[in-house]
C-alpha cells in the first residue's frame, strides 16, 4: 500500500476537469495507491525519474519516492498539455 500526496496545484487542475473524467482519474489514483504500476510508463528527457499513468485523454504524472512508499502527483492534465 502506497501513500498518495496530492499538492494543491494538482488538485486545482483536477477540479477544472468534468465530473466523468474526474471519476476515472480518481479510480486510476486508487490503483496507484494499491501498487498497480503495470501499464505506467517512465518519462524521458527533462522529466526523467517521473512516471505517467493514462486516464482516458488525461495523464497523471507522478513521482515514486523510493523505499518510503510515497507517490507524489505532479500534474493532472489533458494529454495535449501535460508535457
PDB file of N, CA and C in Angstrom:
ATOM      1  N   UNK A   1       0.851  -1.179   0.000  1.00  0.00           N
ATOM      2  CA  UNK A   1       0.000   0.000   0.000  1.00  0.00           C
ATOM      3  C   UNK A   1       0.895   1.241   0.000  1.00  0.00           C
ATOM      4  N   UNK A   2       0.654   2.130  -0.926  1.00  0.00           N
ATOM      5  CA  UNK A   2       1.409   3.364  -1.045  1.00  0.00           C
ATOM      6  C   UNK A   2       0.603   4.529  -0.489  1.00  0.00           C
ATOM      7  N   UNK A   3       1.299   5.546  -0.044  1.00  0.00           N
ATOM      8  CA  UNK A   3       0.646   6.780   0.396  1.00  0.00           C
ATOM      9  C   UNK A   3       0.692   7.753  -0.777  1.00  0.00           C
ATOM     10  N   UNK A   4      -0.417   8.393  -1.079  1.00  0.00           N
ATOM     11  CA  UNK A   4      -0.523   9.332  -2.192  1.00  0.00           C
ATOM     12  C   UNK A   4      -0.557  10.753  -1.644  1.00  0.00           C
ATOM     13  N   UNK A   5       0.330  11.597  -2.131  1.00  0.00           N
ATOM     14  CA  UNK A   5       0.324  13.020  -1.790  1.00  0.00           C
ATOM     15  C   UNK A   5      -0.123  13.791  -3.024  1.00  0.00           C
ATOM     16  N   UNK A   6      -1.125  14.643  -2.848  1.00  0.00           N
ATOM     17  CA  UNK A   6      -1.627  15.442  -3.964  1.00  0.00           C
ATOM     18  C   UNK A   6      -1.459  16.916  -3.608  1.00  0.00           C
ATOM     19  N   UNK A   7      -0.486  17.597  -4.242  1.00  0.00           N
ATOM     20  CA  UNK A   7      -0.280  19.021  -3.955  1.00  0.00           C
ATOM     21  C   UNK A   7      -1.457  19.865  -4.429  1.00  0.00           C
ATOM     22  N   UNK A   8      -1.593  21.060  -3.866  1.00  0.00           N
ATOM     23  CA  UNK A   8      -2.702  21.955  -4.216  1.00  0.00           C
ATOM     24  C   UNK A   8      -2.793  22.256  -5.708  1.00  0.00           C
ATOM     25  N   UNK A   9      -1.677  22.513  -6.416  1.00  0.00           N
ATOM     26  CA  UNK A   9      -1.816  22.777  -7.864  1.00  0.00           C
ATOM     27  C   UNK A   9      -2.431  21.599  -8.634  1.00  0.00           C
ATOM     28  N   UNK A  10      -2.101  20.369  -8.243  1.00  0.00           N
ATOM     29  CA  UNK A  10      -2.680  19.199  -8.909  1.00  0.00           C
ATOM     30  C   UNK A  10      -4.172  19.085  -8.598  1.00  0.00           C
ATOM     31  N   UNK A  11      -4.560  19.378  -7.361  1.00  0.00           N
ATOM     32  CA  UNK A  11      -5.989  19.364  -7.001  1.00  0.00           C
ATOM     33  C   UNK A  11      -6.754  20.436  -7.774  1.00  0.00           C
ATOM     34  N   UNK A  12      -6.123  21.590  -7.970  1.00  0.00           N
ATOM     35  CA  UNK A  12      -6.761  22.672  -8.707  1.00  0.00           C
ATOM     36  C   UNK A  12      -6.989  22.261 -10.157  1.00  0.00           C
ATOM     37  N   UNK A  13      -5.984  21.607 -10.767  1.00  0.00           N
ATOM     38  CA  UNK A  13      -6.152  21.107 -12.135  1.00  0.00           C
ATOM     39  C   UNK A  13      -7.271  20.077 -12.196  1.00  0.00           C
ATOM     40  N   UNK A  14      -7.329  19.205 -11.206  1.00  0.00           N
ATOM     41  CA  UNK A  14      -8.355  18.163 -11.173  1.00  0.00           C
ATOM     42  C   UNK A  14      -9.750  18.758 -11.035  1.00  0.00           C
ATOM     43  N   UNK A  15      -9.884  19.833 -10.281  1.00  0.00           N
ATOM     44  CA  UNK A  15     -11.204  20.438 -10.079  1.00  0.00           C
ATOM     45  C   UNK A  15     -11.755  21.081 -11.356  1.00  0.00           C
ATOM     46  N   UNK A  16     -10.903  21.399 -12.308  1.00  0.00           N
ATOM     47  CA  UNK A  16     -11.342  22.017 -13.562  1.00  0.00           C
ATOM     48  C   UNK A  16     -11.801  21.002 -14.602  1.00  0.00           C
ATOM     49  N   UNK A  17     -11.609  19.722 -14.325  1.00  0.00           N
ATOM     50  CA  UNK A  17     -11.967  18.651 -15.262  1.00  0.00           C
ATOM     51  C   UNK A  17     -13.413  18.250 -15.023  1.00  0.00           C
ATOM     52  N   UNK A  18     -14.110  17.855 -16.109  1.00  0.00           N
ATOM     53  CA  UNK A  18     -15.521  17.467 -15.982  1.00  0.00           C
ATOM     54  C   UNK A  18     -15.666  16.216 -15.105  1.00  0.00           C
ATOM     55  N   UNK A  19     -16.846  16.056 -14.511  1.00  0.00           N
ATOM     56  CA  UNK A  19     -17.104  15.025 -13.499  1.00  0.00           C
ATOM     57  C   UNK A  19     -16.828  13.584 -13.963  1.00  0.00           C
ATOM     58  N   UNK A  20     -17.264  13.167 -15.167  1.00  0.00           N
ATOM     59  CA  UNK A  20     -16.977  11.772 -15.565  1.00  0.00           C
ATOM     60  C   UNK A  20     -15.471  11.486 -15.637  1.00  0.00           C
ATOM     61  N   UNK A  21     -14.697  12.421 -16.148  1.00  0.00           N
ATOM     62  CA  UNK A  21     -13.254  12.229 -16.221  1.00  0.00           C
ATOM     63  C   UNK A  21     -12.611  12.318 -14.840  1.00  0.00           C
ATOM     64  N   UNK A  22     -13.164  13.137 -13.955  1.00  0.00           N
ATOM     65  CA  UNK A  22     -12.665  13.186 -12.578  1.00  0.00           C
ATOM     66  C   UNK A  22     -12.801  11.811 -11.919  1.00  0.00           C
ATOM     67  N   UNK A  23     -13.945  11.174 -12.126  1.00  0.00           N
ATOM     68  CA  UNK A  23     -14.197   9.848 -11.551  1.00  0.00           C
ATOM     69  C   UNK A  23     -13.158   8.839 -12.067  1.00  0.00           C
ATOM     70  N   UNK A  24     -12.899   8.881 -13.374  1.00  0.00           N
ATOM     71  CA  UNK A  24     -11.911   7.991 -13.975  1.00  0.00           C
ATOM     72  C   UNK A  24     -10.522   8.237 -13.385  1.00  0.00           C
ATOM     73  N   UNK A  25     -10.162   9.499 -13.209  1.00  0.00           N
ATOM     74  CA  UNK A  25      -8.859   9.852 -12.645  1.00  0.00           C
ATOM     75  C   UNK A  25      -8.760   9.384 -11.194  1.00  0.00           C
ATOM     76  N   UNK A  26      -9.821   9.572 -10.404  1.00  0.00           N
ATOM     77  CA  UNK A  26      -9.819   9.083  -9.020  1.00  0.00           C
ATOM     78  C   UNK A  26      -9.614   7.567  -8.973  1.00  0.00           C
ATOM     79  N   UNK A  27     -10.272   6.845  -9.898  1.00  0.00           N
ATOM     80  CA  UNK A  27     -10.109   5.392  -9.943  1.00  0.00           C
ATOM     81  C   UNK A  27      -8.665   5.010 -10.250  1.00  0.00           C
ATOM     82  N   UNK A  28      -8.035   5.741 -11.168  1.00  0.00           N
ATOM     83  CA  UNK A  28      -6.636   5.468 -11.511  1.00  0.00           C
ATOM     84  C   UNK A  28      -5.710   5.791 -10.345  1.00  0.00           C
ATOM     85  N   UNK A  29      -6.015   6.836  -9.598  1.00  0.00           N
ATOM     86  CA  UNK A  29      -5.213   7.174  -8.427  1.00  0.00           C
ATOM     87  C   UNK A  29      -5.328   6.060  -7.384  1.00  0.00           C
ATOM     88  N   UNK A  30      -6.509   5.457  -7.262  1.00  0.00           N
ATOM     89  CA  UNK A  30      -6.694   4.332  -6.338  1.00  0.00           C
ATOM     90  C   UNK A  30      -5.827   3.143  -6.744  1.00  0.00           C
ATOM     91  N   UNK A  31      -5.656   2.910  -8.069  1.00  0.00           N
ATOM     92  CA  UNK A  31      -4.787   1.813  -8.495  1.00  0.00           C
ATOM     93  C   UNK A  31      -3.332   2.112  -8.154  1.00  0.00           C
ATOM     94  N   UNK A  32      -2.955   3.394  -8.192  1.00  0.00           N
ATOM     95  CA  UNK A  32      -1.603   3.771  -7.762  1.00  0.00           C
ATOM     96  C   UNK A  32      -1.426   3.457  -6.276  1.00  0.00           C
ATOM     97  N   UNK A  33      -2.443   3.768  -5.493  1.00  0.00           N
ATOM     98  CA  UNK A  33      -2.379   3.538  -4.053  1.00  0.00           C
ATOM     99  C   UNK A  33      -2.201   2.054  -3.728  1.00  0.00           C
ATOM    100  N   UNK A  34      -2.828   1.206  -4.529  1.00  0.00           N
ATOM    101  CA  UNK A  34      -2.719  -0.234  -4.288  1.00  0.00           C
ATOM    102  C   UNK A  34      -1.428  -0.824  -4.852  1.00  0.00           C
ATOM    103  N   UNK A  35      -0.682  -0.036  -5.631  1.00  0.00           N
ATOM    104  CA  UNK A  35       0.611  -0.502  -6.134  1.00  0.00           C
ATOM    105  C   UNK A  35       0.566  -1.114  -7.515  1.00  0.00           C
ATOM    106  N   UNK A  36      -0.481  -0.844  -8.286  1.00  0.00           N
ATOM    107  CA  UNK A  36      -0.584  -1.368  -9.654  1.00  0.00           C
ATOM    108  C   UNK A  36       0.089  -0.393 -10.623  1.00  0.00           C
ATOM    109  N   UNK A  37       1.320  -0.708 -11.031  1.00  0.00           N
ATOM    110  CA  UNK A  37       2.070   0.137 -11.948  1.00  0.00           C
ATOM    111  C   UNK A  37       2.248  -0.549 -13.301  1.00  0.00           C
ATOM    112  N   UNK A  38       1.437  -1.558 -13.590  1.00  0.00           N
ATOM    113  CA  UNK A  38       1.664  -2.428 -14.740  1.00  0.00           C
ATOM    114  C   UNK A  38       1.654  -1.700 -16.085  1.00  0.00           C
ATOM    115  N   UNK A  39       0.813  -0.713 -16.280  1.00  0.00           N
ATOM    116  CA  UNK A  39       0.732  -0.065 -17.583  1.00  0.00           C
ATOM    117  C   UNK A  39       1.302   1.347 -17.566  1.00  0.00           C
ATOM    118  N   UNK A  40       2.028   1.692 -16.531  1.00  0.00           N
ATOM    119  CA  UNK A  40       2.615   3.025 -16.432  1.00  0.00           C
ATOM    120  C   UNK A  40       3.921   3.076 -17.199  1.00  0.00           C
ATOM    121  N   UNK A  41       4.264   4.260 -17.673  1.00  0.00           N
ATOM    122  CA  UNK A  41       5.489   4.441 -18.435  1.00  0.00           C
ATOM    123  C   UNK A  41       6.411   5.424 -17.739  1.00  0.00           C
ATOM    124  N   UNK A  42       7.687   5.145 -17.795  1.00  0.00           N
ATOM    125  CA  UNK A  42       8.684   6.086 -17.289  1.00  0.00           C
ATOM    126  C   UNK A  42       8.871   7.182 -18.331  1.00  0.00           C
ATOM    127  N   UNK A  43       8.988   8.413 -17.875  1.00  0.00           N
ATOM    128  CA  UNK A  43       9.195   9.522 -18.792  1.00  0.00           C
ATOM    129  C   UNK A  43      10.682   9.697 -19.057  1.00  0.00           C
ATOM    130  N   UNK A  44      10.985  10.338 -20.180  1.00  0.00           N
ATOM    131  CA  UNK A  44      12.378  10.538 -20.599  1.00  0.00           C
ATOM    132  C   UNK A  44      12.694  12.024 -20.652  1.00  0.00           C
ATOM    133  N   UNK A  45      13.944  12.329 -20.937  1.00  0.00           N
ATOM    134  CA  UNK A  45      14.366  13.715 -21.113  1.00  0.00           C
ATOM    135  C   UNK A  45      14.368  14.468 -19.800  1.00  0.00           C
ATOM    136  N   UNK A  46      13.848  15.695 -19.839  1.00  0.00           N
ATOM    137  CA  UNK A  46      13.870  16.537 -18.635  1.00  0.00           C
ATOM    138  C   UNK A  46      12.934  16.024 -17.535  1.00  0.00           C
ATOM    139  N   UNK A  47      12.043  15.103 -17.879  1.00  0.00           N
ATOM    140  CA  UNK A  47      11.112  14.534 -16.894  1.00  0.00           C
ATOM    141  C   UNK A  47      11.558  13.163 -16.411  1.00  0.00           C
ATOM    142  N   UNK A  48      12.825  12.824 -16.641  1.00  0.00           N
ATOM    143  CA  UNK A  48      13.335  11.523 -16.244  1.00  0.00           C
ATOM    144  C   UNK A  48      13.159  11.319 -14.740  1.00  0.00           C
ATOM    145  N   UNK A  49      12.750  10.112 -14.360  1.00  0.00           N
ATOM    146  CA  UNK A  49      12.503   9.791 -12.956  1.00  0.00           C
ATOM    147  C   UNK A  49      11.035   9.879 -12.580  1.00  0.00           C
ATOM    148  N   UNK A  50      10.222  10.462 -13.464  1.00  0.00           N
ATOM    149  CA  UNK A  50       8.779  10.562 -13.229  1.00  0.00           C
ATOM    150  C   UNK A  50       8.075   9.508 -14.079  1.00  0.00           C
ATOM    151  N   UNK A  51       6.832   9.230 -13.727  1.00  0.00           N
ATOM    152  CA  UNK A  51       6.057   8.218 -14.430  1.00  0.00           C
ATOM    153  C   UNK A  51       4.730   8.796 -14.884  1.00  0.00           C
ATOM    154  N   UNK A  52       4.121   8.119 -15.860  1.00  0.00           N
ATOM    155  CA  UNK A  52       2.861   8.561 -16.434  1.00  0.00           C
ATOM    156  C   UNK A  52       1.846   7.432 -16.344  1.00  0.00           C
ATOM    157  N   UNK A  53       0.627   7.774 -15.929  1.00  0.00           N
ATOM    158  CA  UNK A  53      -0.495   6.830 -15.940  1.00  0.00           C
ATOM    159  C   UNK A  53      -1.582   7.425 -16.798  1.00  0.00           C
ATOM    160  N   UNK A  54      -2.116   6.630 -17.710  1.00  0.00           N
ATOM    161  CA  UNK A  54      -3.192   7.087 -18.586  1.00  0.00           C
ATOM    162  C   UNK A  54      -4.531   6.995 -17.875  1.00  0.00           C
ATOM    163  N   UNK A  55      -5.350   8.023 -18.107  1.00  0.00           N
ATOM    164  CA  UNK A  55      -6.730   8.031 -17.610  1.00  0.00           C
ATOM    165  C   UNK A  55      -7.575   8.651 -18.710  1.00  0.00           C
ATOM    166  N   UNK A  56      -7.944   7.849 -19.698  1.00  0.00           N
ATOM    167  CA  UNK A  56      -8.665   8.372 -20.862  1.00  0.00           C
ATOM    168  C   UNK A  56      -7.776   9.327 -21.630  1.00  0.00           C
ATOM    169  N   UNK A  57      -8.254  10.540 -21.878  1.00  0.00           N
ATOM    170  CA  UNK A  57      -7.462  11.558 -22.564  1.00  0.00           C
ATOM    171  C   UNK A  57      -6.603  12.369 -21.612  1.00  0.00           C
ATOM    172  N   UNK A  58      -6.586  11.995 -20.357  1.00  0.00           N
ATOM    173  CA  UNK A  58      -5.809  12.712 -19.347  1.00  0.00           C
ATOM    174  C   UNK A  58      -4.619  11.869 -18.913  1.00  0.00           C
ATOM    175  N   UNK A  59      -3.601  12.539 -18.391  1.00  0.00           N
ATOM    176  CA  UNK A  59      -2.409  11.863 -17.903  1.00  0.00           C
ATOM    177  C   UNK A  59      -2.148  12.290 -16.464  1.00  0.00           C
ATOM    178  N   UNK A  60      -1.775  11.336 -15.658  1.00  0.00           N
ATOM    179  CA  UNK A  60      -1.395  11.596 -14.274  1.00  0.00           C
ATOM    180  C   UNK A  60       0.121  11.427 -14.224  1.00  0.00           C
ATOM    181  N   UNK A  61       0.816  12.489 -13.917  1.00  0.00           N
ATOM    182  CA  UNK A  61       2.277  12.453 -13.812  1.00  0.00           C
ATOM    183  C   UNK A  61       2.619  12.346 -12.330  1.00  0.00           C
ATOM    184  N   UNK A  62       3.433  11.366 -11.995  1.00  0.00           N
ATOM    185  CA  UNK A  62       3.749  11.162 -10.584  1.00  0.00           C
ATOM    186  C   UNK A  62       5.204  10.781 -10.392  1.00  0.00           C
ATOM    187  N   UNK A  63       5.634  10.877  -9.152  1.00  0.00           N
ATOM    188  CA  UNK A  63       6.999  10.586  -8.752  1.00  0.00           C
ATOM    189  C   UNK A  63       6.946   9.566  -7.629  1.00  0.00           C
ATOM    190  N   UNK A  64       7.613   8.423  -7.836  1.00  0.00           N
ATOM    191  CA  UNK A  64       7.694   7.380  -6.811  1.00  0.00           C
ATOM    192  C   UNK A  64       8.932   7.648  -5.979  1.00  0.00           C
ATOM    193  N   UNK A  65       8.764   7.781  -4.690  1.00  0.00           N
ATOM    194  CA  UNK A  65       9.879   8.159  -3.833  1.00  0.00           C
ATOM    195  C   UNK A  65      10.439   6.965  -3.068  1.00  0.00           C
ATOM    196  N   UNK A  66      11.179   6.127  -3.782  1.00  0.00           N
ATOM    197  CA  UNK A  66      11.974   5.044  -3.226  1.00  0.00           C
ATOM    198  C   UNK A  66      11.307   4.136  -2.218  1.00  0.00           C
ATOM    199  N   UNK A  67      12.038   3.824  -1.162  1.00  0.00           N
ATOM    200  CA  UNK A  67      11.593   2.854  -0.162  1.00  0.00           C
ATOM    201  C   UNK A  67      10.553   3.410   0.797  1.00  0.00           C
ATOM    202  N   UNK A  68      10.284   4.692   0.707  1.00  0.00           N
ATOM    203  CA  UNK A  68       9.348   5.324   1.630  1.00  0.00           C
ATOM    204  C   UNK A  68       7.905   4.946   1.289  1.00  0.00           C
ATOM    205  N   UNK A  69       7.682   4.480   0.059  1.00  0.00           N
ATOM    206  CA  UNK A  69       6.354   4.122  -0.418  1.00  0.00           C
ATOM    207  C   UNK A  69       5.422   5.334  -0.460  1.00  0.00           C
ATOM    208  N   UNK A  70       5.929   6.435  -0.985  1.00  0.00           N
ATOM    209  CA  UNK A  70       5.139   7.657  -1.150  1.00  0.00           C
ATOM    210  C   UNK A  70       5.095   7.979  -2.631  1.00  0.00           C
ATOM    211  N   UNK A  71       3.925   8.276  -3.130  1.00  0.00           N
ATOM    212  CA  UNK A  71       3.759   8.709  -4.516  1.00  0.00           C
ATOM    213  C   UNK A  71       3.258  10.141  -4.474  1.00  0.00           C
ATOM    214  N   UNK A  72       3.968  11.039  -5.145  1.00  0.00           N
ATOM    215  CA  UNK A  72       3.568  12.438  -5.209  1.00  0.00           C
ATOM    216  C   UNK A  72       3.048  12.724  -6.606  1.00  0.00           C
ATOM    217  N   UNK A  73       1.793  13.136  -6.700  1.00  0.00           N
ATOM    218  CA  UNK A  73       1.239  13.503  -8.000  1.00  0.00           C
ATOM    219  C   UNK A  73       1.795  14.866  -8.376  1.00  0.00           C
ATOM    220  N   UNK A  74       2.353  14.965  -9.561  1.00  0.00           N
ATOM    221  CA  UNK A  74       2.956  16.199 -10.021  1.00  0.00           C
ATOM    222  C   UNK A  74       1.949  17.023 -10.815  1.00  0.00           C
ATOM    223  N   UNK A  75       1.252  16.356 -11.730  1.00  0.00           N
ATOM    224  CA  UNK A  75       0.368  17.090 -12.619  1.00  0.00           C
ATOM    225  C   UNK A  75      -0.743  16.182 -13.108  1.00  0.00           C
ATOM    226  N   UNK A  76      -1.929  16.739 -13.297  1.00  0.00           N
ATOM    227  CA  UNK A  76      -3.059  16.047 -13.909  1.00  0.00           C
ATOM    228  C   UNK A  76      -3.572  16.986 -14.985  1.00  0.00           C
ATOM    229  N   UNK A  77      -3.449  16.575 -16.248  1.00  0.00           N
ATOM    230  CA  UNK A  77      -3.855  17.469 -17.335  1.00  0.00           C
ATOM    231  C   UNK A  77      -4.189  16.663 -18.578  1.00  0.00           C
ATOM    232  N   UNK A  78      -4.827  17.336 -19.534  1.00  0.00           N
ATOM    233  CA  UNK A  78      -5.140  16.711 -20.810  1.00  0.00           C
ATOM    234  C   UNK A  78      -3.844  16.334 -21.497  1.00  0.00           C
ATOM    235  N   UNK A  79      -3.876  15.280 -22.280  1.00  0.00           N
ATOM    236  CA  UNK A  79      -2.651  14.763 -22.885  1.00  0.00           C
ATOM    237  C   UNK A  79      -1.971  15.770 -23.809  1.00  0.00           C
ATOM    238  N   UNK A  80      -2.714  16.732 -24.341  1.00  0.00           N
ATOM    239  CA  UNK A  80      -2.124  17.767 -25.201  1.00  0.00           C
ATOM    240  C   UNK A  80      -1.286  18.762 -24.396  1.00  0.00           C
ATOM    241  N   UNK A  81      -1.602  18.925 -23.130  1.00  0.00           N
ATOM    242  CA  UNK A  81      -0.995  19.983 -22.325  1.00  0.00           C
ATOM    243  C   UNK A  81      -0.010  19.491 -21.278  1.00  0.00           C
ATOM    244  N   UNK A  82       0.025  18.181 -21.001  1.00  0.00           N
ATOM    245  CA  UNK A  82       0.707  17.697 -19.813  1.00  0.00           C
ATOM    246  C   UNK A  82       2.231  17.773 -19.887  1.00  0.00           C
ATOM    247  N   UNK A  83       2.812  17.616 -21.056  1.00  0.00           N
ATOM    248  CA  UNK A  83       4.267  17.591 -21.138  1.00  0.00           C
ATOM    249  C   UNK A  83       4.721  18.962 -21.473  1.00  0.00           C
TER     250      UNK A  83
END
